[in-house]
Amino acid sequence: MRGRVLRWGRIIVGLLASVGFLWLATRGLDWESLAGNLAGVSITLLLVSLGVFMFASYVRAVRWRLLFAKENITIARLFIIQNEGVGVNNVLPVRVGSEITQLAVLTTRDGVNKATAVATLGMERVIDVVASTGILGVAFLFVPEMRPFAIYVGAQPASPCSR
């Protein structure tokens, strides 16, 4: 009985929070402008972008799973946990909610050792930084529009006339 009440309580709180956030996000919105902008959206590109996002999330879950040496957790479960974190980050003004949510879910709901959870989350961020830096480096080499910004990352010396 108590479990059923708690489950329904969570559902009701979730629905009320969703309605409240929806109201906050849409108050003062110019609905005609929104409708005009949405009319020009390509459904095909929208579906392709959704597919790419889901595939990238799955690949991140696979990569995260590789970091768990002794824990028995599935890729599907990590995919869900990762997207729970993304959802929390979307409503918070600072970008730390994802890690806190993922840590809480991994340790309390899935029984993962706290040290293992923190270590894998930390290594995920290190891998992200290395990958982002590599992509940025390649962009400086092959994207001509990026070259003027190379000075800001120390990729080229400042010219004498810029001092």
Protein backbone atom coordinates (compact mmCIF):
# COMPACT_ATOMS: atom_id res chain seq x y z
CA MET A 1 0.00 0.00 0.00
CA ARG A 2 2.73 2.45 1.01
CA GLY A 3 4.70 1.66 -2.16
CA ARG A 4 1.67 2.37 -4.32
CA VAL A 5 1.07 5.72 -2.61
CA LEU A 6 4.74 6.67 -3.06
CA ARG A 7 4.65 5.68 -6.73
CA TRP A 8 1.53 7.75 -7.41
CA GLY A 9 2.95 10.60 -5.36
CA ARG A 10 6.08 10.64 -7.52
CA ILE A 11 4.00 10.58 -10.69
CA ILE A 12 1.82 13.46 -9.49
CA VAL A 13 4.84 15.52 -8.36
CA GLY A 14 6.52 14.85 -11.73
CA LEU A 15 3.44 15.91 -13.66
CA LEU A 16 2.99 19.06 -11.57
CA ALA A 17 6.66 19.96 -12.02
CA SER A 18 6.38 19.37 -15.77
CA VAL A 19 3.31 21.59 -16.04
CA GLY A 20 5.00 24.27 -13.93
CA PHE A 21 8.17 24.23 -16.05
CA LEU A 22 6.09 24.25 -19.23
CA TRP A 23 4.23 27.33 -17.99
CA LEU A 24 7.51 29.06 -17.07
CA ALA A 25 9.03 28.25 -20.46
CA THR A 26 6.04 29.42 -22.51
CA ARG A 27 4.79 32.51 -20.69
CA GLY A 28 5.14 35.58 -22.84
CA LEU A 29 5.86 33.49 -25.92
CA ASP A 30 4.89 34.91 -29.30
CA TRP A 31 2.83 31.94 -30.55
CA GLU A 32 2.40 33.31 -34.09
CA SER A 33 6.15 33.68 -34.51
CA LEU A 34 6.66 30.17 -33.14
CA ALA A 35 4.12 28.73 -35.56
CA GLY A 36 5.79 30.55 -38.45
CA ASN A 37 9.20 29.19 -37.52
CA LEU A 38 7.94 25.64 -37.03
CA ALA A 39 6.18 25.72 -40.40
CA GLY A 40 9.57 25.91 -42.10
CA VAL A 41 11.07 22.95 -40.24
CA SER A 42 12.02 19.94 -42.32
CA ILE A 43 10.55 16.82 -40.70
CA THR A 44 13.15 14.69 -42.49
CA LEU A 45 16.06 16.69 -41.05
CA LEU A 46 14.41 16.71 -37.64
CA LEU A 47 14.15 12.91 -37.66
CA VAL A 48 17.71 12.52 -38.94
CA SER A 49 19.03 14.82 -36.21
CA LEU A 50 17.07 12.89 -33.59
CA GLY A 51 18.55 9.65 -34.92
CA VAL A 52 22.08 11.06 -34.81
CA PHE A 53 21.53 12.28 -31.24
CA MET A 54 20.21 8.88 -30.12
CA PHE A 55 23.08 7.06 -31.85
CA ALA A 56 25.65 9.37 -30.22
CA SER A 57 24.01 8.77 -26.82
CA TYR A 58 24.19 5.01 -27.40
CA VAL A 59 27.88 5.22 -28.38
CA ARG A 60 28.60 7.24 -25.21
CA ALA A 61 26.81 4.55 -23.16
CA VAL A 62 28.95 1.86 -24.82
CA ARG A 63 32.09 3.89 -24.09
CA TRP A 64 30.97 4.39 -20.48
CA ARG A 65 30.29 0.66 -20.10
CA LEU A 66 33.90 -0.08 -21.07
CA LEU A 67 35.03 1.84 -17.99
CA PHE A 68 33.18 -0.52 -15.62
CA ALA A 69 35.64 -3.35 -15.04
CA LYS A 70 33.86 -5.28 -12.29
CA GLU A 71 30.35 -3.86 -12.14
CA ASN A 72 27.50 -5.69 -13.84
CA ILE A 73 25.53 -2.93 -15.53
CA THR A 74 24.08 -3.01 -19.02
CA ILE A 75 24.61 -0.58 -21.86
CA ALA A 76 20.84 -0.01 -22.02
CA ARG A 77 20.78 0.98 -18.34
CA LEU A 78 23.74 3.35 -18.81
CA PHE A 79 21.96 4.86 -21.83
CA ILE A 80 18.94 5.62 -19.65
CA ILE A 81 21.06 6.99 -16.78
CA GLN A 82 22.99 9.20 -19.17
CA ASN A 83 19.80 10.65 -20.65
CA GLU A 84 18.37 11.22 -17.18
CA GLY A 85 21.41 13.40 -16.53
CA VAL A 86 20.91 15.26 -19.81
CA GLY A 87 17.29 15.91 -18.86
CA VAL A 88 18.28 17.34 -15.48
CA ASN A 89 20.93 19.54 -17.12
CA ASN A 90 18.28 20.99 -19.42
CA VAL A 91 16.37 22.51 -16.49
CA LEU A 92 19.29 23.65 -14.33
CA PRO A 93 21.13 26.94 -14.81
CA VAL A 94 24.53 25.29 -14.18
CA ARG A 95 25.87 22.21 -15.89
CA VAL A 96 26.64 19.96 -12.91
CA GLY A 97 23.24 18.34 -12.50
CA SER A 98 24.05 15.58 -14.94
CA GLU A 99 26.95 14.13 -12.95
CA ILE A 100 25.17 14.47 -9.62
CA THR A 101 22.07 12.76 -11.00
CA GLN A 102 24.07 9.99 -12.64
CA LEU A 103 26.08 9.40 -9.46
CA ALA A 104 22.93 9.26 -7.34
CA VAL A 105 21.16 6.84 -9.69
CA LEU A 106 24.20 4.59 -10.12
CA THR A 107 24.86 4.28 -6.40
CA THR A 108 21.35 4.19 -4.95
CA ARG A 109 19.29 2.48 -7.62
CA ASP A 110 21.87 0.28 -9.34
CA GLY A 111 24.11 -0.48 -6.36
CA VAL A 112 27.34 0.58 -8.05
CA ASN A 113 30.26 1.24 -5.72
CA LYS A 114 30.56 4.99 -5.08
CA ALA A 115 34.27 5.12 -5.88
CA THR A 116 33.72 3.25 -9.15
CA ALA A 117 30.85 5.55 -10.11
CA VAL A 118 32.88 8.70 -9.41
CA ALA A 119 35.91 7.31 -11.25
CA THR A 120 33.93 6.38 -14.36
CA LEU A 121 32.11 9.73 -14.41
CA GLY A 122 35.45 11.53 -14.07
CA MET A 123 37.05 9.49 -16.84
CA GLU A 124 34.05 10.20 -19.08
CA ARG A 125 34.74 13.93 -18.70
CA VAL A 126 38.47 13.43 -19.36
CA ILE A 127 37.67 11.48 -22.53
CA ASP A 128 35.24 14.25 -23.58
CA VAL A 129 37.93 16.92 -23.10
CA VAL A 130 40.50 14.92 -25.09
CA ALA A 131 38.02 14.27 -27.91
CA SER A 132 36.84 17.90 -28.01
CA THR A 133 40.41 19.16 -28.05
CA GLY A 134 41.24 16.80 -30.90
CA ILE A 135 38.23 17.93 -32.92
CA LEU A 136 39.13 21.57 -32.29
CA GLY A 137 42.72 20.93 -33.38
CA VAL A 138 41.55 19.31 -36.61
CA ALA A 139 39.19 22.23 -37.20
CA PHE A 140 42.09 24.68 -36.92
CA LEU A 141 43.96 22.70 -39.55
CA PHE A 142 41.18 22.11 -42.07
CA VAL A 143 38.53 24.80 -41.56
CA PRO A 144 39.78 28.13 -42.93
CA GLU A 145 37.20 30.15 -40.96
CA MET A 146 38.78 28.88 -37.71
CA ARG A 147 42.28 30.23 -38.43
CA PRO A 148 41.65 33.77 -37.06
CA PHE A 149 40.76 32.20 -33.69
CA ALA A 150 43.93 30.08 -33.47
CA ILE A 151 45.77 32.87 -31.64
CA TYR A 152 43.35 32.51 -28.69
CA VAL A 153 44.43 28.94 -28.07
CA GLY A 154 48.11 29.51 -28.67
CA ALA A 155 48.10 27.70 -31.98
CA GLN A 156 50.07 30.43 -33.74
CA PRO A 157 52.31 33.28 -32.59
CA ALA A 158 50.94 36.79 -32.51
CA SER A 159 52.02 38.94 -35.42
CA PRO A 160 54.21 41.98 -34.55
CA CYS A 161 51.61 44.45 -35.81
CA SER A 162 48.91 43.15 -33.44
CA ARG A 163 50.73 44.40 -30.32
